[in-house]
């Protein structure tokens, strides 16, 4: 039986963390001793995640990321349970449509932006006022490679992630010097969320990646841990692309 790490004294709120990338981020922060609040839409899945991560250091708050009441409750519960919220990781996202942007239902586009961008701003505002404004901290926004390049058939998602990259810049400027704000732009990471991008043709997809594999949640978790650590104290307003080298192929005929 492994001994749990000593408490770091720091607390993180991670949205959309009952599985996938968010769960990987939670694992990384807990491994270094942080306490964590995770959110997710499905209460049962969230409970399972809390138990697996360790109920002595983790709480879960179920709800939809774009729901302002849920945002308020998540921040309040974190403050009540742990007395602080040093780090915010905006990971909650949706991509309910696959197809050409010329035929995109505008109501779907609005839903994508509400979940992927407006909710991130809402959580950032609330953690700022609850703790970070007076005490400092860091925010990490999970963007996407789709937000820094053209991404056929997931255009709405890509546009929303480009907006998140710019949101990162705006928050980094306004929240400095006490709060650092950065984003991570992953390529395809093996999660249920991204299955449609590789399922049934993984070898073909992997062939495009110079490093020979798709990403896994721990790849992003490690980056998020770095961007919320003292080792990154002079980094803000940046977008870290984590893509297995696929961006090296841009422009190659």
Protein backbone atom coordinates (compact mmCIF):
# COMPACT_ATOMS: atom_id res chain seq x y z
CA UNK A 1 0.00 0.00 0.00
CA UNK A 2 1.44 3.33 -1.07
CA UNK A 3 1.60 6.23 1.34
CA UNK A 4 -0.44 9.23 0.18
CA UNK A 5 1.59 12.38 -0.51
CA UNK A 6 1.77 15.09 2.11
CA UNK A 7 -0.75 17.87 1.62
CA UNK A 8 0.64 20.76 -0.40
CA UNK A 9 -1.74 23.26 1.17
CA UNK A 10 -3.05 24.13 -2.31
CA UNK A 11 -6.53 23.56 -3.71
CA UNK A 12 -7.72 23.15 -7.28
CA UNK A 13 -11.13 23.29 -8.93
CA UNK A 14 -11.23 21.23 -12.13
CA UNK A 15 -14.29 21.29 -14.37
CA UNK A 16 -15.38 18.29 -16.43
CA UNK A 17 -13.14 15.98 -14.44
CA UNK A 18 -15.14 12.82 -13.83
CA UNK A 19 -13.18 11.16 -16.66
CA UNK A 20 -10.79 11.85 -19.54
CA UNK A 21 -8.43 14.81 -19.54
CA UNK A 22 -9.98 16.42 -16.47
CA UNK A 23 -9.57 13.22 -14.49
CA UNK A 24 -5.94 13.00 -15.64
CA UNK A 25 -5.34 16.54 -14.40
CA UNK A 26 -6.95 15.69 -11.06
CA UNK A 27 -4.69 12.64 -10.70
CA UNK A 28 -1.59 14.75 -11.33
CA UNK A 29 -2.51 17.45 -8.84
CA UNK A 30 -3.54 14.98 -6.15
CA UNK A 31 -0.27 13.09 -6.65
CA UNK A 32 1.67 16.18 -5.62
CA UNK A 33 -0.50 16.74 -2.56
CA UNK A 34 -3.21 19.15 -3.68
CA UNK A 35 -6.82 18.87 -2.62
CA UNK A 36 -9.32 19.02 -5.43
CA UNK A 37 -12.93 19.73 -6.30
CA UNK A 38 -14.03 18.08 -9.54
CA UNK A 39 -17.22 18.77 -11.48
CA UNK A 40 -19.17 16.75 -14.03
CA UNK A 41 -22.66 16.36 -15.42
CA UNK A 42 -23.37 12.80 -14.28
CA UNK A 43 -23.63 12.45 -10.51
CA UNK A 44 -22.98 8.71 -10.44
CA UNK A 45 -19.88 8.96 -12.63
CA UNK A 46 -18.67 11.84 -10.50
CA UNK A 47 -19.10 9.84 -7.29
CA UNK A 48 -17.09 6.99 -8.78
CA UNK A 49 -14.32 9.40 -9.73
CA UNK A 50 -14.22 10.90 -6.23
CA UNK A 51 -13.92 7.44 -4.68
CA UNK A 52 -11.19 6.40 -7.12
CA UNK A 53 -9.20 9.61 -6.61
CA UNK A 54 -9.61 9.54 -2.82
CA UNK A 55 -12.55 10.97 -0.92
CA UNK A 56 -10.20 12.24 1.79
CA UNK A 57 -8.81 14.81 -0.66
CA UNK A 58 -11.47 15.19 -3.32
CA UNK A 59 -15.04 16.46 -3.46
CA UNK A 60 -17.40 16.40 -6.42
CA UNK A 61 -20.07 18.87 -7.47
CA UNK A 62 -22.44 17.67 -10.19
CA UNK A 63 -23.92 20.06 -12.73
CA UNK A 64 -23.68 21.52 -16.21
CA UNK A 65 -20.70 23.80 -16.74
CA UNK A 66 -22.68 26.55 -18.46
CA UNK A 67 -25.22 26.74 -15.61
CA UNK A 68 -24.34 29.84 -13.57
CA UNK A 69 -25.98 28.39 -10.46
CA UNK A 70 -23.75 25.32 -10.77
CA UNK A 71 -20.67 27.53 -11.15
CA UNK A 72 -21.58 29.39 -7.97
CA UNK A 73 -22.21 26.18 -6.02
CA UNK A 74 -18.95 24.57 -7.20
CA UNK A 75 -16.86 27.52 -6.04
CA UNK A 76 -18.80 27.87 -2.77
CA UNK A 77 -18.46 24.15 -2.00
CA UNK A 78 -14.73 24.29 -2.69
CA UNK A 79 -14.32 27.23 -0.33
CA UNK A 80 -16.45 25.57 2.34
CA UNK A 81 -14.59 22.26 2.12
CA UNK A 82 -11.02 23.53 1.77
CA UNK A 83 -11.05 27.26 2.59
CA UNK A 84 -9.35 28.33 -0.63
CA UNK A 85 -9.19 27.80 -4.41
CA UNK A 86 -5.67 28.41 -5.70
CA UNK A 87 -6.02 26.82 -9.11
CA UNK A 88 -8.79 26.65 -11.67
CA UNK A 89 -8.60 24.23 -14.59
CA UNK A 90 -11.31 24.90 -17.17
CA UNK A 91 -11.65 21.54 -18.89
CA UNK A 92 -15.41 21.11 -19.37
CA UNK A 93 -16.30 21.06 -23.05
CA UNK A 94 -18.68 19.75 -25.66
CA UNK A 95 -18.58 18.92 -29.35
CA UNK A 96 -22.07 17.72 -30.34
CA UNK A 97 -21.72 18.20 -34.10
CA UNK A 98 -19.52 16.77 -36.84
CA UNK A 99 -19.75 18.19 -40.34
CA UNK A 100 -19.07 21.16 -42.60
CA UNK A 101 -19.41 24.58 -41.03
CA UNK A 102 -21.53 25.78 -43.96
CA UNK A 103 -24.38 23.62 -42.65
CA UNK A 104 -23.84 24.27 -38.95
CA UNK A 105 -27.01 24.80 -36.91
CA UNK A 106 -26.50 28.15 -35.21
CA UNK A 107 -28.30 26.95 -32.09
CA UNK A 108 -25.71 24.19 -31.82
CA UNK A 109 -22.95 26.79 -32.25
CA UNK A 110 -24.42 28.79 -29.38
CA UNK A 111 -24.48 25.68 -27.17
CA UNK A 112 -20.83 24.95 -27.98
CA UNK A 113 -19.80 28.49 -27.06
CA UNK A 114 -21.86 28.50 -23.86
CA UNK A 115 -20.20 25.32 -22.64
CA UNK A 116 -16.68 25.76 -23.98
CA UNK A 117 -16.09 29.49 -23.58
CA UNK A 118 -18.71 31.33 -21.53
CA UNK A 119 -18.59 28.74 -18.75
CA UNK A 120 -14.80 29.10 -18.53
CA UNK A 121 -15.18 32.84 -18.14
CA UNK A 122 -17.85 32.34 -15.49
CA UNK A 123 -15.69 30.00 -13.43
CA UNK A 124 -12.71 32.35 -13.78
CA UNK A 125 -14.77 35.29 -12.54
CA UNK A 126 -16.02 33.35 -9.54
CA UNK A 127 -12.68 31.93 -8.45
CA UNK A 128 -11.15 35.40 -8.87
CA UNK A 129 -13.67 37.01 -6.54
CA UNK A 130 -13.75 34.09 -4.08
CA UNK A 131 -10.00 33.76 -3.53
CA UNK A 132 -7.53 34.56 -6.26
CA UNK A 133 -7.99 38.35 -6.38
CA UNK A 134 -6.55 38.72 -2.87
CA UNK A 135 -4.41 35.61 -2.64
CA UNK A 136 -3.10 34.81 -6.11
CA UNK A 137 -3.08 31.53 -7.96
CA UNK A 138 -3.21 30.15 -11.49
CA UNK A 139 -5.74 29.27 -14.16
CA UNK A 140 -5.26 26.68 -16.90
CA UNK A 141 -7.71 26.59 -19.80
CA UNK A 142 -7.87 23.37 -21.79
CA UNK A 143 -8.08 24.56 -25.39
CA UNK A 144 -7.28 22.36 -28.40
CA UNK A 145 -5.04 22.08 -31.42
CA UNK A 146 -8.30 22.72 -33.27
CA UNK A 147 -8.19 26.23 -31.81
CA UNK A 148 -4.86 27.12 -33.42
CA UNK A 149 -5.34 25.45 -36.81
CA UNK A 150 -8.10 24.64 -39.27
CA UNK A 151 -9.99 21.51 -38.21
CA UNK A 152 -12.40 20.26 -40.89
CA UNK A 153 -15.71 18.85 -39.65
CA UNK A 154 -15.25 20.09 -36.07
CA UNK A 155 -15.31 23.77 -36.98
CA UNK A 156 -17.61 24.95 -34.21
CA UNK A 157 -15.44 23.23 -31.62
CA UNK A 158 -12.29 24.71 -33.15
CA UNK A 159 -13.70 28.23 -33.21
CA UNK A 160 -14.74 27.94 -29.57
CA UNK A 161 -11.26 26.76 -28.61
CA UNK A 162 -9.70 29.65 -30.52
CA UNK A 163 -11.91 31.90 -28.41
CA UNK A 164 -10.60 30.14 -25.31
CA UNK A 165 -7.04 30.90 -26.38
CA UNK A 166 -7.93 34.58 -26.61
CA UNK A 167 -9.82 34.39 -23.31
CA UNK A 168 -6.56 33.14 -21.83
CA UNK A 169 -4.77 36.25 -23.11
CA UNK A 170 -7.43 38.60 -21.76
CA UNK A 171 -7.51 36.98 -18.34
CA UNK A 172 -3.71 36.83 -18.15
CA UNK A 173 -3.54 40.56 -18.81
CA UNK A 174 -6.29 41.54 -16.37
CA UNK A 175 -5.47 39.12 -13.56
CA UNK A 176 -1.72 39.85 -13.45
CA UNK A 177 0.41 40.00 -11.44
CA UNK A 178 -1.23 37.80 -8.83
CA UNK A 179 -2.84 35.19 -11.06
CA UNK A 180 -1.15 33.51 -13.99
CA UNK A 181 -3.38 32.28 -16.82
CA UNK A 182 -2.26 29.84 -19.52
CA UNK A 183 -3.87 27.34 -21.83
CA UNK A 184 -3.05 23.89 -23.16
CA UNK A 185 -3.86 22.91 -26.74
CA UNK A 186 -3.84 19.11 -27.09
CA UNK A 187 -4.08 17.15 -30.30
CA UNK A 188 -6.08 13.90 -30.15
CA UNK A 189 -6.07 12.40 -26.66
CA UNK A 190 -7.46 8.91 -26.11
CA UNK A 191 -10.67 9.65 -24.22
CA UNK A 192 -14.31 8.83 -24.67
CA UNK A 193 -14.85 12.45 -25.71
CA UNK A 194 -12.45 12.10 -28.67
CA UNK A 195 -13.28 8.53 -29.71
CA UNK A 196 -14.93 9.57 -32.97
CA UNK A 197 -11.62 11.01 -34.15
CA UNK A 198 -9.70 7.71 -33.97
CA UNK A 199 -12.01 4.76 -33.20
CA UNK A 200 -11.67 1.96 -35.71
CA UNK A 201 -8.72 3.63 -37.47
CA UNK A 202 -6.24 4.34 -34.71
CA UNK A 203 -3.22 2.99 -36.62
CA UNK A 204 -4.02 5.27 -39.54
CA UNK A 205 -4.39 8.30 -37.26
CA UNK A 206 -1.24 7.49 -35.29
CA UNK A 207 0.76 7.32 -38.52
CA UNK A 208 0.48 11.13 -38.75
CA UNK A 209 2.11 11.66 -35.35
CA UNK A 210 5.93 11.87 -35.34
CA UNK A 211 6.03 10.53 -31.78
CA UNK A 212 4.09 7.45 -32.85
CA UNK A 213 1.11 7.53 -30.53
CA UNK A 214 -1.96 9.47 -29.53
CA UNK A 215 -2.04 11.44 -26.32
CA UNK A 216 -3.29 10.07 -23.01
CA UNK A 217 -4.84 12.07 -20.14
CA UNK A 218 -1.66 11.95 -18.06
CA UNK A 219 0.19 13.85 -20.81
CA UNK A 220 -2.13 16.78 -20.22
CA UNK A 221 -2.20 16.24 -16.46
CA UNK A 222 1.56 16.65 -16.27
CA UNK A 223 1.42 19.88 -18.26
CA UNK A 224 -1.34 21.27 -16.06
CA UNK A 225 0.67 20.38 -12.96
CA UNK A 226 3.64 22.30 -14.37
CA UNK A 227 1.54 25.36 -15.25
CA UNK A 228 0.16 25.48 -11.71
CA UNK A 229 3.58 25.04 -10.06
CA UNK A 230 6.33 27.37 -8.93
CA UNK A 231 8.43 26.12 -11.86
CA UNK A 232 6.17 28.16 -14.16
CA UNK A 233 6.05 31.32 -12.07
CA UNK A 234 7.23 33.51 -14.97
CA UNK A 235 4.84 32.09 -17.55
CA UNK A 236 1.47 33.67 -18.29
CA UNK A 237 -0.69 34.29 -21.33
CA UNK A 238 0.80 31.33 -23.19
CA UNK A 239 -0.74 28.40 -25.05
CA UNK A 240 1.23 25.18 -24.73
CA UNK A 241 0.65 22.90 -27.71
CA UNK A 242 0.88 19.22 -26.78
CA UNK A 243 0.45 17.27 -29.97
CA UNK A 244 2.91 14.40 -30.33
CA UNK A 245 4.61 16.45 -33.02
CA UNK A 246 1.71 16.45 -35.50
CA UNK A 247 1.96 20.20 -36.01
CA UNK A 248 5.39 19.56 -37.55
CA UNK A 249 3.52 18.22 -40.58
CA UNK A 250 1.80 21.56 -41.27
CA UNK A 251 2.55 22.76 -44.75
CA UNK A 252 4.16 19.51 -45.86
CA UNK A 253 2.84 18.32 -49.20
